[in-house]
């Protein structure tokens, strides 16, 4: 089984095509993909979580 890739916020916003400010607003409103905060303060999003989140958007569109 392949490891679940951990994406940076920069990688996520580039992939989904939104400004950083929009992504941060979604996180504040808890409307974005679930994130993991590492002990050093960095934030990562699992590839599987990003894919799941995008799928939920497709279902509600």
N, C-alpha and C. Protein backbone atom coordinates (compact mmCIF):
# COMPACT_ATOMS: atom_id res chain seq x y z
N UNK A 1 0.85 -1.19 0.00
CA UNK A 1 0.00 0.00 0.00
C UNK A 1 0.89 1.25 0.00
N UNK A 2 0.58 2.19 -0.85
CA UNK A 2 1.38 3.41 -0.97
C UNK A 2 1.12 4.33 0.21
N UNK A 3 2.15 5.08 0.57
CA UNK A 3 1.98 6.07 1.65
C UNK A 3 1.09 7.21 1.18
N UNK A 4 0.33 7.75 2.08
CA UNK A 4 -0.55 8.87 1.80
C UNK A 4 0.30 10.14 1.78
N UNK A 5 0.45 10.74 0.62
CA UNK A 5 1.30 11.92 0.47
C UNK A 5 0.81 13.06 1.35
N UNK A 6 1.76 13.78 1.96
CA UNK A 6 1.44 14.94 2.79
C UNK A 6 1.76 16.19 1.98
N UNK A 7 0.73 16.99 1.68
CA UNK A 7 0.89 18.18 0.85
C UNK A 7 1.03 19.43 1.71
N UNK A 8 1.82 20.38 1.23
CA UNK A 8 1.91 21.68 1.89
C UNK A 8 0.72 22.52 1.44
N UNK A 9 0.47 23.60 2.16
CA UNK A 9 -0.61 24.51 1.76
C UNK A 9 -0.31 25.07 0.38
N UNK A 10 0.94 25.41 0.12
CA UNK A 10 1.31 25.94 -1.21
C UNK A 10 0.96 24.96 -2.32
N UNK A 11 1.22 23.69 -2.10
CA UNK A 11 0.90 22.67 -3.10
C UNK A 11 -0.61 22.56 -3.29
N UNK A 12 -1.36 22.64 -2.20
CA UNK A 12 -2.82 22.50 -2.27
C UNK A 12 -3.43 23.68 -3.02
N UNK A 13 -3.04 24.91 -2.66
CA UNK A 13 -3.66 26.06 -3.33
C UNK A 13 -3.28 26.14 -4.80
N UNK A 14 -2.08 25.66 -5.14
CA UNK A 14 -1.70 25.63 -6.55
C UNK A 14 -2.56 24.62 -7.30
N UNK A 15 -2.81 23.49 -6.67
CA UNK A 15 -3.61 22.44 -7.33
C UNK A 15 -5.06 22.85 -7.50
N UNK A 16 -5.65 23.48 -6.48
CA UNK A 16 -7.07 23.83 -6.60
C UNK A 16 -7.30 25.22 -7.16
N UNK A 17 -6.23 26.01 -7.27
CA UNK A 17 -6.32 27.29 -7.96
C UNK A 17 -7.04 28.40 -7.20
N UNK A 18 -6.77 28.50 -5.90
CA UNK A 18 -7.35 29.59 -5.11
C UNK A 18 -6.22 30.36 -4.43
N UNK A 19 -6.48 31.64 -4.12
CA UNK A 19 -5.47 32.42 -3.40
C UNK A 19 -5.28 31.88 -1.97
N UNK A 20 -4.11 32.15 -1.41
CA UNK A 20 -3.80 31.73 -0.05
C UNK A 20 -4.82 32.28 0.94
N UNK A 21 -5.23 33.54 0.74
CA UNK A 21 -6.19 34.16 1.67
C UNK A 21 -7.52 33.40 1.67
N UNK A 22 -7.94 32.93 0.51
CA UNK A 22 -9.19 32.15 0.42
C UNK A 22 -9.04 30.85 1.19
N UNK A 23 -7.92 30.18 1.01
CA UNK A 23 -7.68 28.92 1.70
C UNK A 23 -7.69 29.12 3.21
N UNK A 24 -7.04 30.19 3.68
CA UNK A 24 -7.02 30.46 5.12
C UNK A 24 -8.43 30.77 5.65
N UNK A 25 -9.23 31.49 4.86
CA UNK A 25 -10.61 31.78 5.26
C UNK A 25 -11.41 30.48 5.36
N UNK A 26 -11.24 29.59 4.38
CA UNK A 26 -11.93 28.30 4.43
C UNK A 26 -11.54 27.53 5.69
N UNK A 27 -10.25 27.57 6.05
CA UNK A 27 -9.80 26.87 7.26
C UNK A 27 -10.45 27.47 8.49
N UNK A 28 -10.52 28.79 8.58
CA UNK A 28 -11.15 29.46 9.72
C UNK A 28 -12.62 29.05 9.84
N UNK A 29 -13.29 28.95 8.70
CA UNK A 29 -14.71 28.60 8.67
C UNK A 29 -14.95 27.09 8.72
N UNK A 30 -13.86 26.33 8.77
CA UNK A 30 -13.90 24.85 8.75
C UNK A 30 -14.61 24.32 7.51
N UNK A 31 -14.38 24.99 6.37
CA UNK A 31 -14.97 24.56 5.10
C UNK A 31 -13.93 23.92 4.18
N UNK A 32 -12.68 23.95 4.57
CA UNK A 32 -11.61 23.39 3.74
C UNK A 32 -11.33 21.95 4.12
N UNK A 33 -10.35 21.35 3.47
CA UNK A 33 -9.96 19.98 3.82
C UNK A 33 -9.34 19.95 5.22
N UNK A 34 -9.52 18.83 5.90
CA UNK A 34 -8.92 18.66 7.22
C UNK A 34 -7.40 18.72 7.09
N UNK A 35 -6.78 19.40 8.03
CA UNK A 35 -5.33 19.58 7.99
C UNK A 35 -4.69 18.97 9.24
N UNK A 36 -3.39 18.78 9.15
CA UNK A 36 -2.59 18.26 10.26
C UNK A 36 -1.56 19.33 10.60
N UNK A 37 -1.52 19.72 11.87
CA UNK A 37 -0.51 20.68 12.30
C UNK A 37 0.63 19.91 12.95
N UNK A 38 1.80 20.03 12.35
CA UNK A 38 2.97 19.32 12.85
C UNK A 38 3.55 20.05 14.07
N UNK A 39 4.37 19.36 14.87
CA UNK A 39 4.94 19.99 16.06
C UNK A 39 5.74 21.26 15.77
N UNK A 40 6.30 21.39 14.57
CA UNK A 40 7.07 22.59 14.24
C UNK A 40 6.18 23.74 13.75
N UNK A 41 4.86 23.53 13.75
CA UNK A 41 3.93 24.57 13.33
C UNK A 41 3.52 24.49 11.87
N UNK A 42 4.20 23.67 11.09
CA UNK A 42 3.84 23.50 9.68
C UNK A 42 2.51 22.77 9.56
N UNK A 43 1.78 23.10 8.50
CA UNK A 43 0.48 22.47 8.26
C UNK A 43 0.58 21.61 7.00
N UNK A 44 0.02 20.42 7.06
CA UNK A 44 0.00 19.52 5.91
C UNK A 44 -1.41 18.99 5.72
N UNK A 45 -1.71 18.66 4.47
CA UNK A 45 -3.00 18.06 4.12
C UNK A 45 -2.70 16.74 3.42
N UNK A 46 -3.31 15.68 3.91
CA UNK A 46 -3.10 14.37 3.26
C UNK A 46 -3.75 14.39 1.88
N UNK A 47 -3.10 13.75 0.93
CA UNK A 47 -3.64 13.62 -0.43
C UNK A 47 -5.03 13.01 -0.38
N UNK A 48 -5.22 11.97 0.42
CA UNK A 48 -6.52 11.31 0.50
C UNK A 48 -7.59 12.26 1.04
N UNK A 49 -7.22 13.14 1.97
CA UNK A 49 -8.19 14.10 2.52
C UNK A 49 -8.55 15.15 1.48
N UNK A 50 -7.56 15.63 0.72
CA UNK A 50 -7.85 16.61 -0.33
C UNK A 50 -8.79 15.99 -1.38
N UNK A 51 -8.50 14.76 -1.78
CA UNK A 51 -9.35 14.08 -2.76
C UNK A 51 -10.77 13.88 -2.23
N UNK A 52 -10.88 13.51 -0.94
CA UNK A 52 -12.19 13.30 -0.32
C UNK A 52 -12.96 14.62 -0.28
N UNK A 53 -12.28 15.70 0.11
CA UNK A 53 -12.92 17.01 0.20
C UNK A 53 -13.41 17.47 -1.17
N UNK A 54 -12.59 17.29 -2.20
CA UNK A 54 -13.00 17.67 -3.56
C UNK A 54 -14.22 16.87 -4.00
N UNK A 55 -14.23 15.58 -3.65
CA UNK A 55 -15.37 14.72 -4.01
C UNK A 55 -16.65 15.23 -3.36
N UNK A 56 -16.58 15.73 -2.13
CA UNK A 56 -17.79 16.25 -1.48
C UNK A 56 -18.29 17.50 -2.19
N UNK A 57 -17.37 18.29 -2.74
CA UNK A 57 -17.78 19.48 -3.49
C UNK A 57 -18.48 19.09 -4.77
N UNK A 58 -18.01 18.03 -5.41
CA UNK A 58 -18.65 17.55 -6.64
C UNK A 58 -20.07 17.08 -6.36
N UNK A 59 -20.25 16.43 -5.21
CA UNK A 59 -21.56 15.89 -4.86
C UNK A 59 -22.57 17.01 -4.60
N UNK A 60 -22.11 18.15 -4.07
CA UNK A 60 -23.04 19.23 -3.72
C UNK A 60 -23.21 20.24 -4.85
N UNK A 61 -22.41 20.13 -5.90
CA UNK A 61 -22.48 21.10 -7.01
C UNK A 61 -23.73 20.88 -7.83
